[in-house]
Amino acid sequence: MRKKIFFIVIVGMMLLSCNVFSQILYSEKDNVEIVSLDDSEMNIAIQNAQDSLPIFIEKFQLPNSSQSVFSIKAGFSYGENQMEHIWISNLSFEGKQFFGIVGNEPVYVKNIQLGDEISVQLDSISDWLIIENNQLHGGFTIHVFRNRMNTSEREQFDRDFGVSIPDEPMLP
């Protein structure tokens, strides 16, 4: 159930402009996936997102007509050694930072809210995604969570997500 709720939050963040998904975000804000700081799979996923960030920036700056969604996820500190990772959409890029709209209601971070316009430094980005030709590109942390689901959860996640999700993260 928690993984399905995580999925709902992800989709909601990506499709923030859709009213139905905005309503889901508001109703599911208390459901958060907790990940240990020593989670090696998640840390590798975040590093892969960071390593491929120049590709995301290049595609973002020169999008093609088959790319429908661009979003980043960034970590925000809320205590000693504690981070909440939040999706940001409606992006713009200037110099070495993104500007965008907070795509989900923070649970632990109290100084930002759903819908706030914020800036994100590149080194704070923990994931990125592009939907191109109805297929997920990037989404490194999404893949970690998806791979931890059992078969029926994964099948439901894929149906609910509404775009094709490759078994491993794909670059655009």
N, C-alpha and C. Protein backbone atom coordinates (compact mmCIF):
# COMPACT_ATOMS: atom_id res chain seq x y z
N MET A 1 0.82 -1.20 0.00
CA MET A 1 0.00 0.00 0.00
C MET A 1 0.87 1.26 0.00
N ARG A 2 1.94 1.27 0.81
CA ARG A 2 2.81 2.46 0.87
C ARG A 2 3.44 2.73 -0.47
N LYS A 3 3.80 1.67 -1.21
CA LYS A 3 4.43 1.87 -2.50
C LYS A 3 3.43 2.44 -3.50
N LYS A 4 2.17 2.01 -3.42
CA LYS A 4 1.15 2.57 -4.29
C LYS A 4 0.97 4.05 -3.99
N ILE A 5 0.97 4.40 -2.73
CA ILE A 5 0.81 5.80 -2.36
C ILE A 5 2.02 6.60 -2.85
N PHE A 6 3.23 6.02 -2.73
CA PHE A 6 4.43 6.68 -3.26
C PHE A 6 4.24 6.95 -4.75
N PHE A 7 3.70 5.94 -5.46
CA PHE A 7 3.44 6.10 -6.88
C PHE A 7 2.49 7.27 -7.13
N ILE A 8 1.41 7.33 -6.36
CA ILE A 8 0.42 8.39 -6.55
C ILE A 8 1.08 9.75 -6.38
N VAL A 9 1.95 9.87 -5.40
CA VAL A 9 2.64 11.14 -5.18
C VAL A 9 3.52 11.48 -6.38
N ILE A 10 4.23 10.49 -6.91
CA ILE A 10 5.10 10.73 -8.08
C ILE A 10 4.28 11.20 -9.27
N VAL A 11 3.23 10.47 -9.57
CA VAL A 11 2.40 10.85 -10.71
C VAL A 11 1.80 12.23 -10.49
N GLY A 12 1.35 12.47 -9.29
CA GLY A 12 0.77 13.77 -8.98
C GLY A 12 1.75 14.89 -9.19
N MET A 13 2.98 14.64 -8.80
CA MET A 13 4.00 15.67 -8.96
C MET A 13 4.27 15.94 -10.43
N MET A 14 4.31 14.86 -11.21
CA MET A 14 4.60 15.03 -12.62
C MET A 14 3.46 15.73 -13.34
N LEU A 15 2.26 15.48 -12.88
CA LEU A 15 1.09 16.01 -13.55
C LEU A 15 0.38 17.05 -12.70
N LEU A 16 1.15 17.85 -12.01
CA LEU A 16 0.61 18.81 -11.06
C LEU A 16 -0.46 19.69 -11.68
N SER A 17 -0.34 19.98 -12.94
CA SER A 17 -1.32 20.86 -13.57
C SER A 17 -2.67 20.19 -13.74
N CYS A 18 -2.73 18.87 -13.62
CA CYS A 18 -4.01 18.16 -13.73
C CYS A 18 -4.71 18.20 -12.38
N ASN A 19 -5.93 18.66 -12.36
CA ASN A 19 -6.68 18.85 -11.13
C ASN A 19 -6.85 17.56 -10.34
N VAL A 20 -7.13 16.44 -11.01
CA VAL A 20 -7.33 15.17 -10.31
C VAL A 20 -6.09 14.80 -9.52
N PHE A 21 -4.92 14.93 -10.13
CA PHE A 21 -3.70 14.56 -9.44
C PHE A 21 -3.37 15.53 -8.32
N SER A 22 -3.71 16.80 -8.48
CA SER A 22 -3.50 17.75 -7.38
C SER A 22 -4.32 17.35 -6.17
N GLN A 23 -5.55 16.88 -6.39
CA GLN A 23 -6.39 16.44 -5.29
C GLN A 23 -5.79 15.22 -4.60
N ILE A 24 -5.24 14.29 -5.37
CA ILE A 24 -4.60 13.11 -4.79
C ILE A 24 -3.43 13.54 -3.92
N LEU A 25 -2.64 14.48 -4.39
CA LEU A 25 -1.49 14.94 -3.61
C LEU A 25 -1.93 15.47 -2.25
N TYR A 26 -2.96 16.28 -2.26
CA TYR A 26 -3.42 16.84 -0.99
C TYR A 26 -3.89 15.75 -0.04
N SER A 27 -4.56 14.72 -0.56
CA SER A 27 -5.12 13.70 0.32
C SER A 27 -4.09 12.68 0.78
N GLU A 28 -2.94 12.58 0.13
CA GLU A 28 -1.97 11.55 0.46
C GLU A 28 -0.70 12.11 1.10
N LYS A 29 -0.73 13.33 1.57
CA LYS A 29 0.50 13.98 2.01
C LYS A 29 1.15 13.32 3.22
N ASP A 30 0.41 12.55 4.00
CA ASP A 30 0.99 11.93 5.19
C ASP A 30 1.69 10.61 4.91
N ASN A 31 1.67 10.16 3.67
CA ASN A 31 2.29 8.88 3.31
C ASN A 31 3.64 9.14 2.65
N VAL A 32 4.68 8.74 3.34
CA VAL A 32 6.04 9.01 2.89
C VAL A 32 6.83 7.71 2.92
N GLU A 33 7.68 7.52 1.95
CA GLU A 33 8.57 6.37 1.92
C GLU A 33 9.86 6.76 2.64
N ILE A 34 10.18 6.07 3.72
CA ILE A 34 11.38 6.36 4.50
C ILE A 34 12.53 5.50 3.96
N VAL A 35 13.67 6.13 3.72
CA VAL A 35 14.84 5.44 3.19
C VAL A 35 16.03 5.79 4.07
N SER A 36 16.80 4.79 4.43
CA SER A 36 17.99 4.99 5.25
C SER A 36 19.06 5.74 4.45
N LEU A 37 19.83 6.55 5.14
CA LEU A 37 20.95 7.24 4.49
C LEU A 37 21.99 6.27 3.96
N ASP A 38 22.04 5.04 4.53
CA ASP A 38 23.02 4.05 4.04
C ASP A 38 22.44 3.12 3.00
N ASP A 39 21.28 3.41 2.46
CA ASP A 39 20.66 2.56 1.45
C ASP A 39 21.51 2.64 0.18
N SER A 40 22.31 1.61 -0.06
CA SER A 40 23.28 1.67 -1.16
C SER A 40 22.59 1.76 -2.52
N GLU A 41 21.49 1.05 -2.72
CA GLU A 41 20.78 1.14 -4.01
C GLU A 41 20.29 2.56 -4.26
N MET A 42 19.72 3.18 -3.24
CA MET A 42 19.20 4.53 -3.40
C MET A 42 20.35 5.52 -3.60
N ASN A 43 21.44 5.34 -2.89
CA ASN A 43 22.59 6.23 -3.06
C ASN A 43 23.19 6.11 -4.45
N ILE A 44 23.22 4.90 -4.99
CA ILE A 44 23.70 4.70 -6.37
C ILE A 44 22.75 5.38 -7.35
N ALA A 45 21.45 5.23 -7.13
CA ALA A 45 20.46 5.87 -8.00
C ALA A 45 20.63 7.39 -8.00
N ILE A 46 20.82 7.96 -6.83
CA ILE A 46 21.01 9.41 -6.72
C ILE A 46 22.30 9.82 -7.43
N GLN A 47 23.36 9.05 -7.26
CA GLN A 47 24.62 9.36 -7.95
C GLN A 47 24.46 9.25 -9.47
N ASN A 48 23.72 8.24 -9.93
CA ASN A 48 23.47 8.11 -11.37
C ASN A 48 22.67 9.30 -11.90
N ALA A 49 21.72 9.77 -11.11
CA ALA A 49 20.95 10.95 -11.51
C ALA A 49 21.87 12.17 -11.60
N GLN A 50 22.74 12.33 -10.61
CA GLN A 50 23.69 13.45 -10.62
C GLN A 50 24.64 13.34 -11.81
N ASP A 51 25.16 12.14 -12.06
CA ASP A 51 26.12 11.94 -13.15
C ASP A 51 25.50 12.24 -14.52
N SER A 52 24.22 11.96 -14.67
CA SER A 52 23.56 12.17 -15.96
C SER A 52 22.81 13.50 -16.04
N LEU A 53 22.92 14.32 -15.02
CA LEU A 53 22.24 15.62 -14.99
C LEU A 53 22.58 16.49 -16.20
N PRO A 54 23.83 16.51 -16.70
CA PRO A 54 24.09 17.31 -17.91
C PRO A 54 23.22 16.90 -19.11
N ILE A 55 22.90 15.62 -19.21
CA ILE A 55 22.03 15.16 -20.30
C ILE A 55 20.62 15.74 -20.10
N PHE A 56 20.12 15.68 -18.86
CA PHE A 56 18.81 16.24 -18.56
C PHE A 56 18.78 17.73 -18.90
N ILE A 57 19.79 18.46 -18.48
CA ILE A 57 19.83 19.91 -18.73
C ILE A 57 19.84 20.19 -20.23
N GLU A 58 20.64 19.43 -20.96
CA GLU A 58 20.70 19.62 -22.42
C GLU A 58 19.33 19.38 -23.05
N LYS A 59 18.67 18.30 -22.67
CA LYS A 59 17.34 17.99 -23.22
C LYS A 59 16.31 19.03 -22.79
N PHE A 60 16.43 19.50 -21.55
CA PHE A 60 15.50 20.51 -21.04
C PHE A 60 15.65 21.82 -21.82
N GLN A 61 16.88 22.20 -22.13
CA GLN A 61 17.12 23.46 -22.83
C GLN A 61 16.75 23.39 -24.31
N LEU A 62 16.78 22.20 -24.88
CA LEU A 62 16.42 22.02 -26.29
C LEU A 62 15.42 20.87 -26.42
N PRO A 63 14.22 21.05 -25.87
CA PRO A 63 13.25 19.95 -25.89
C PRO A 63 12.73 19.68 -27.31
N ASN A 64 12.27 18.46 -27.52
CA ASN A 64 11.61 18.16 -28.78
C ASN A 64 10.12 17.92 -28.52
N SER A 65 9.36 17.84 -29.57
CA SER A 65 7.90 17.77 -29.43
C SER A 65 7.42 16.47 -28.78
N SER A 66 8.26 15.45 -28.71
CA SER A 66 7.84 14.19 -28.10
C SER A 66 8.09 14.15 -26.59
N GLN A 67 8.70 15.20 -26.05
CA GLN A 67 8.98 15.27 -24.60
C GLN A 67 7.89 16.11 -23.94
N SER A 68 7.11 15.46 -23.05
CA SER A 68 5.95 16.14 -22.49
C SER A 68 6.11 16.58 -21.04
N VAL A 69 7.01 15.98 -20.29
CA VAL A 69 7.18 16.31 -18.87
C VAL A 69 8.67 16.36 -18.54
N PHE A 70 9.07 17.40 -17.81
CA PHE A 70 10.41 17.50 -17.23
C PHE A 70 10.23 17.79 -15.75
N SER A 71 10.90 17.04 -14.90
CA SER A 71 10.79 17.28 -13.46
C SER A 71 12.09 16.88 -12.79
N ILE A 72 12.39 17.53 -11.68
CA ILE A 72 13.56 17.17 -10.87
C ILE A 72 13.09 16.86 -9.45
N LYS A 73 13.88 16.08 -8.76
CA LYS A 73 13.64 15.82 -7.34
C LYS A 73 14.86 16.34 -6.60
N ALA A 74 14.61 17.06 -5.51
CA ALA A 74 15.71 17.65 -4.74
C ALA A 74 15.55 17.33 -3.27
N GLY A 75 16.70 17.23 -2.59
CA GLY A 75 16.70 16.96 -1.16
C GLY A 75 16.73 18.26 -0.36
N PHE A 76 15.90 18.29 0.68
CA PHE A 76 15.83 19.45 1.58
C PHE A 76 16.03 18.96 3.01
N SER A 77 16.96 19.58 3.71
CA SER A 77 17.29 19.18 5.08
C SER A 77 16.19 19.62 6.03
N TYR A 78 15.88 18.74 7.00
CA TYR A 78 14.91 19.12 8.02
C TYR A 78 15.38 18.74 9.42
N GLY A 79 16.59 18.33 9.54
CA GLY A 79 17.15 17.96 10.84
C GLY A 79 18.54 17.40 10.62
N GLU A 80 19.17 17.02 11.71
CA GLU A 80 20.52 16.48 11.60
C GLU A 80 20.49 15.17 10.82
N ASN A 81 21.21 15.14 9.69
CA ASN A 81 21.29 13.96 8.83
C ASN A 81 19.94 13.49 8.33
N GLN A 82 19.01 14.40 8.11
CA GLN A 82 17.68 14.02 7.63
C GLN A 82 17.32 14.89 6.43
N MET A 83 16.85 14.22 5.38
CA MET A 83 16.49 14.92 4.15
C MET A 83 15.11 14.44 3.70
N GLU A 84 14.35 15.37 3.17
CA GLU A 84 13.10 15.02 2.49
C GLU A 84 13.31 15.36 1.02
N HIS A 85 13.00 14.41 0.16
CA HIS A 85 13.18 14.60 -1.27
C HIS A 85 11.84 14.93 -1.90
N ILE A 86 11.80 16.03 -2.63
CA ILE A 86 10.56 16.60 -3.13
C ILE A 86 10.70 16.85 -4.64
N TRP A 87 9.65 16.50 -5.38
CA TRP A 87 9.64 16.74 -6.82
C TRP A 87 9.29 18.19 -7.11
N ILE A 88 9.96 18.73 -8.12
CA ILE A 88 9.79 20.12 -8.55
C ILE A 88 9.42 20.09 -10.04
N SER A 89 8.39 20.83 -10.41
CA SER A 89 7.95 20.85 -11.81
C SER A 89 7.84 22.30 -12.31
N ASN A 90 7.33 22.47 -13.53
CA ASN A 90 7.23 23.80 -14.15
C ASN A 90 8.58 24.50 -14.07
N LEU A 91 9.58 23.86 -14.60
CA LEU A 91 10.97 24.28 -14.43
C LEU A 91 11.40 25.40 -15.37
N SER A 92 12.36 26.17 -14.89
CA SER A 92 13.18 27.04 -15.72
C SER A 92 14.62 26.85 -15.22
N PHE A 93 15.57 27.16 -16.08
CA PHE A 93 16.98 26.94 -15.73
C PHE A 93 17.76 28.21 -16.02
N GLU A 94 18.50 28.66 -15.02
CA GLU A 94 19.33 29.86 -15.17
C GLU A 94 20.68 29.60 -14.52
N GLY A 95 21.72 29.66 -15.33
CA GLY A 95 23.07 29.50 -14.80
C GLY A 95 23.31 28.13 -14.23
N LYS A 96 23.36 28.04 -12.93
CA LYS A 96 23.65 26.77 -12.27
C LYS A 96 22.54 26.36 -11.31
N GLN A 97 21.31 26.81 -11.61
CA GLN A 97 20.20 26.42 -10.74
C GLN A 97 18.90 26.34 -11.52
N PHE A 98 18.00 25.51 -11.01
CA PHE A 98 16.66 25.41 -11.55
C PHE A 98 15.72 26.22 -10.67
N PHE A 99 14.67 26.71 -11.29
CA PHE A 99 13.55 27.31 -10.58
C PHE A 99 12.33 26.50 -10.95
N GLY A 100 11.44 26.31 -10.00
CA GLY A 100 10.25 25.54 -10.30
C GLY A 100 9.25 25.59 -9.17
N ILE A 101 8.21 24.80 -9.33
CA ILE A 101 7.09 24.76 -8.38
C ILE A 101 7.15 23.46 -7.59
N VAL A 102 7.03 23.56 -6.28
CA VAL A 102 7.02 22.38 -5.40
C VAL A 102 5.82 21.53 -5.80
N GLY A 103 6.10 20.26 -6.12
CA GLY A 103 5.08 19.38 -6.67
C GLY A 103 4.37 18.49 -5.69
N ASN A 104 4.81 18.43 -4.46
CA ASN A 104 4.08 17.66 -3.45
C ASN A 104 4.22 18.34 -2.10
N GLU A 105 3.24 18.11 -1.25
CA GLU A 105 3.22 18.75 0.08
C GLU A 105 4.33 18.16 0.93
N PRO A 106 5.32 18.96 1.32
CA PRO A 106 6.36 18.45 2.21
C PRO A 106 5.75 17.98 3.54
N VAL A 107 6.29 16.90 4.06
CA VAL A 107 5.80 16.35 5.32
C VAL A 107 6.66 16.83 6.48
N TYR A 108 7.98 16.80 6.31
CA TYR A 108 8.90 17.16 7.38
C TYR A 108 9.51 18.55 7.22
N VAL A 109 9.77 18.95 5.99
CA VAL A 109 10.33 20.28 5.73
C VAL A 109 9.22 21.30 5.90
N LYS A 110 9.43 22.24 6.78
CA LYS A 110 8.36 23.18 7.14
C LYS A 110 8.47 24.54 6.46
N ASN A 111 9.60 24.83 5.82
CA ASN A 111 9.76 26.17 5.25
C ASN A 111 9.37 26.26 3.78
N ILE A 112 8.87 25.17 3.19
CA ILE A 112 8.32 25.22 1.84
C ILE A 112 6.99 24.47 1.84
N GLN A 113 6.15 24.83 0.86
CA GLN A 113 4.82 24.23 0.76
C GLN A 113 4.52 23.88 -0.69
N LEU A 114 3.55 22.99 -0.87
CA LEU A 114 3.05 22.65 -2.19
C LEU A 114 2.71 23.94 -2.94
N GLY A 115 3.22 24.05 -4.17
CA GLY A 115 2.92 25.21 -4.99
C GLY A 115 3.89 26.36 -4.86
N ASP A 116 4.79 26.31 -3.86
CA ASP A 116 5.79 27.37 -3.72
C ASP A 116 6.73 27.38 -4.92
N GLU A 117 7.16 28.56 -5.32
CA GLU A 117 8.20 28.67 -6.33
C GLU A 117 9.54 28.70 -5.60
N ILE A 118 10.44 27.81 -5.98
CA ILE A 118 11.72 27.72 -5.29
C ILE A 118 12.86 27.60 -6.29
N SER A 119 14.07 27.80 -5.80
CA SER A 119 15.27 27.55 -6.60
C SER A 119 15.96 26.30 -6.05
N VAL A 120 16.61 25.58 -6.95
CA VAL A 120 17.29 24.34 -6.58
C VAL A 120 18.69 24.36 -7.19
N GLN A 121 19.70 24.27 -6.34
CA GLN A 121 21.08 24.16 -6.80
C GLN A 121 21.30 22.77 -7.41
N LEU A 122 22.16 22.67 -8.38
CA LEU A 122 22.38 21.40 -9.07
C LEU A 122 22.82 20.29 -8.13
N ASP A 123 23.63 20.61 -7.13
CA ASP A 123 24.12 19.56 -6.24
C ASP A 123 23.06 19.05 -5.26
N SER A 124 21.88 19.69 -5.25
CA SER A 124 20.77 19.22 -4.40
C SER A 124 19.85 18.26 -5.13
N ILE A 125 20.05 18.09 -6.43
CA ILE A 125 19.16 17.25 -7.23
C ILE A 125 19.46 15.78 -6.97
N SER A 126 18.41 15.03 -6.62
CA SER A 126 18.56 13.61 -6.33
C SER A 126 17.95 12.73 -7.41
N ASP A 127 17.21 13.31 -8.33
CA ASP A 127 16.63 12.55 -9.43
C ASP A 127 16.09 13.53 -10.46
N TRP A 128 15.83 13.02 -11.62
CA TRP A 128 15.19 13.80 -12.67
C TRP A 128 14.40 12.83 -13.54
N LEU A 129 13.44 13.37 -14.25
CA LEU A 129 12.71 12.52 -15.19
C LEU A 129 12.24 13.34 -16.37
N ILE A 130 12.12 12.64 -17.47
CA ILE A 130 11.54 13.17 -18.70
C ILE A 130 10.56 12.12 -19.18
N ILE A 131 9.37 12.55 -19.58
CA ILE A 131 8.45 11.66 -20.26
C ILE A 131 8.58 11.99 -21.74
N GLU A 132 9.03 11.01 -22.50
CA GLU A 132 9.23 11.19 -23.94
C GLU A 132 8.56 10.04 -24.67
N ASN A 133 7.72 10.37 -25.65
CA ASN A 133 6.97 9.34 -26.37
C ASN A 133 6.27 8.39 -25.41
N ASN A 134 5.68 8.96 -24.37
CA ASN A 134 4.93 8.19 -23.37
C ASN A 134 5.80 7.16 -22.64
N GLN A 135 7.09 7.44 -22.52
CA GLN A 135 8.01 6.53 -21.83
C GLN A 135 8.85 7.32 -20.83
N LEU A 136 9.07 6.71 -19.66
CA LEU A 136 9.88 7.32 -18.61
C LEU A 136 11.36 7.25 -18.96
N HIS A 137 12.02 8.39 -18.87
CA HIS A 137 13.48 8.48 -19.00
C HIS A 137 13.99 9.06 -17.68
N GLY A 138 15.11 8.56 -17.20
CA GLY A 138 15.58 8.97 -15.88
C GLY A 138 14.76 8.25 -14.83
N GLY A 139 14.35 8.96 -13.80
CA GLY A 139 13.54 8.34 -12.74
C GLY A 139 14.31 7.27 -11.99
N PHE A 140 15.56 7.55 -11.69
CA PHE A 140 16.45 6.56 -11.08
C PHE A 140 15.92 6.07 -9.73
N THR A 141 15.44 6.99 -8.90
CA THR A 141 14.91 6.57 -7.59
C THR A 141 13.56 5.88 -7.75
N ILE A 142 12.79 6.27 -8.75
CA ILE A 142 11.53 5.58 -9.02
C ILE A 142 11.80 4.11 -9.30
N HIS A 143 12.84 3.84 -10.08
CA HIS A 143 13.18 2.46 -10.40
C HIS A 143 13.57 1.66 -9.16
N VAL A 144 14.28 2.29 -8.23
CA VAL A 144 14.64 1.58 -6.99
C VAL A 144 13.38 1.15 -6.26
N PHE A 145 12.45 2.09 -6.06
CA PHE A 145 11.21 1.75 -5.37
C PHE A 145 10.42 0.70 -6.15
N ARG A 146 10.34 0.86 -7.46
CA ARG A 146 9.58 -0.08 -8.29
C ARG A 146 10.19 -1.48 -8.22
N ASN A 147 11.50 -1.57 -8.24
CA ASN A 147 12.17 -2.88 -8.18
C ASN A 147 11.97 -3.58 -6.84
N ARG A 148 11.62 -2.83 -5.81
CA ARG A 148 11.39 -3.42 -4.49
C ARG A 148 9.95 -3.91 -4.31
N MET A 149 9.12 -3.63 -5.28
CA MET A 149 7.72 -4.07 -5.21
C MET A 149 7.61 -5.53 -5.61
N ASN A 150 6.59 -6.20 -5.08
CA ASN A 150 6.33 -7.56 -5.56
C ASN A 150 5.66 -7.45 -6.93
N THR A 151 5.47 -8.57 -7.59
CA THR A 151 4.98 -8.57 -8.97
C THR A 151 3.63 -7.87 -9.10
N SER A 152 2.70 -8.17 -8.22
CA SER A 152 1.37 -7.55 -8.36
C SER A 152 1.42 -6.05 -8.09
N GLU A 153 2.22 -5.62 -7.11
CA GLU A 153 2.37 -4.18 -6.85
C GLU A 153 2.99 -3.48 -8.05
N ARG A 154 4.00 -4.12 -8.64
CA ARG A 154 4.68 -3.52 -9.80
C ARG A 154 3.72 -3.40 -10.98
N GLU A 155 2.93 -4.45 -11.22
CA GLU A 155 1.97 -4.40 -12.32
C GLU A 155 0.95 -3.30 -12.10
N GLN A 156 0.47 -3.16 -10.88
CA GLN A 156 -0.49 -2.10 -10.57
C GLN A 156 0.17 -0.72 -10.71
N PHE A 157 1.38 -0.60 -10.21
CA PHE A 157 2.14 0.65 -10.33
C PHE A 157 2.26 1.05 -11.80
N ASP A 158 2.64 0.09 -12.65
CA ASP A 158 2.82 0.38 -14.07
C ASP A 158 1.50 0.80 -14.72
N ARG A 159 0.41 0.12 -14.37
CA ARG A 159 -0.90 0.50 -14.92
C ARG A 159 -1.28 1.91 -14.48
N ASP A 160 -1.11 2.17 -13.19
CA ASP A 160 -1.50 3.47 -12.65
C ASP A 160 -0.62 4.61 -13.15
N PHE A 161 0.65 4.31 -13.38
CA PHE A 161 1.59 5.35 -13.81
C PHE A 161 1.19 5.94 -15.15
N GLY A 162 0.70 5.08 -16.05
CA GLY A 162 0.15 5.59 -17.30
C GLY A 162 1.16 5.84 -18.41
N VAL A 163 2.43 5.59 -18.15
CA VAL A 163 3.45 5.67 -19.20
C VAL A 163 4.28 4.40 -19.13
N SER A 164 4.98 4.11 -20.18
CA SER A 164 5.83 2.93 -20.21
C SER A 164 7.05 3.14 -19.31
N ILE A 165 7.32 2.15 -18.47
CA ILE A 165 8.46 2.22 -17.57
C ILE A 165 9.41 1.08 -17.92
N PRO A 166 10.59 1.39 -18.41
CA PRO A 166 11.54 0.32 -18.71
C PRO A 166 12.01 -0.34 -17.42
N ASP A 167 12.55 -1.55 -17.53
CA ASP A 167 13.01 -2.26 -16.34
C ASP A 167 14.18 -1.57 -15.65
N GLU A 168 14.98 -0.86 -16.40
CA GLU A 168 16.11 -0.11 -15.85
C GLU A 168 16.01 1.34 -16.33
N PRO A 169 16.58 2.28 -15.58
CA PRO A 169 16.52 3.68 -16.03
C PRO A 169 17.12 3.85 -17.42
N MET A 170 16.46 4.68 -18.20
CA MET A 170 16.86 4.91 -19.57
C MET A 170 17.18 6.39 -19.74
N LEU A 171 18.22 6.68 -20.48
CA LEU A 171 18.57 8.07 -20.78
C LEU A 171 17.85 8.49 -22.06
N PRO A 172 17.52 9.78 -22.17
CA PRO A 172 16.84 10.25 -23.39
C PRO A 172 17.78 10.28 -24.58
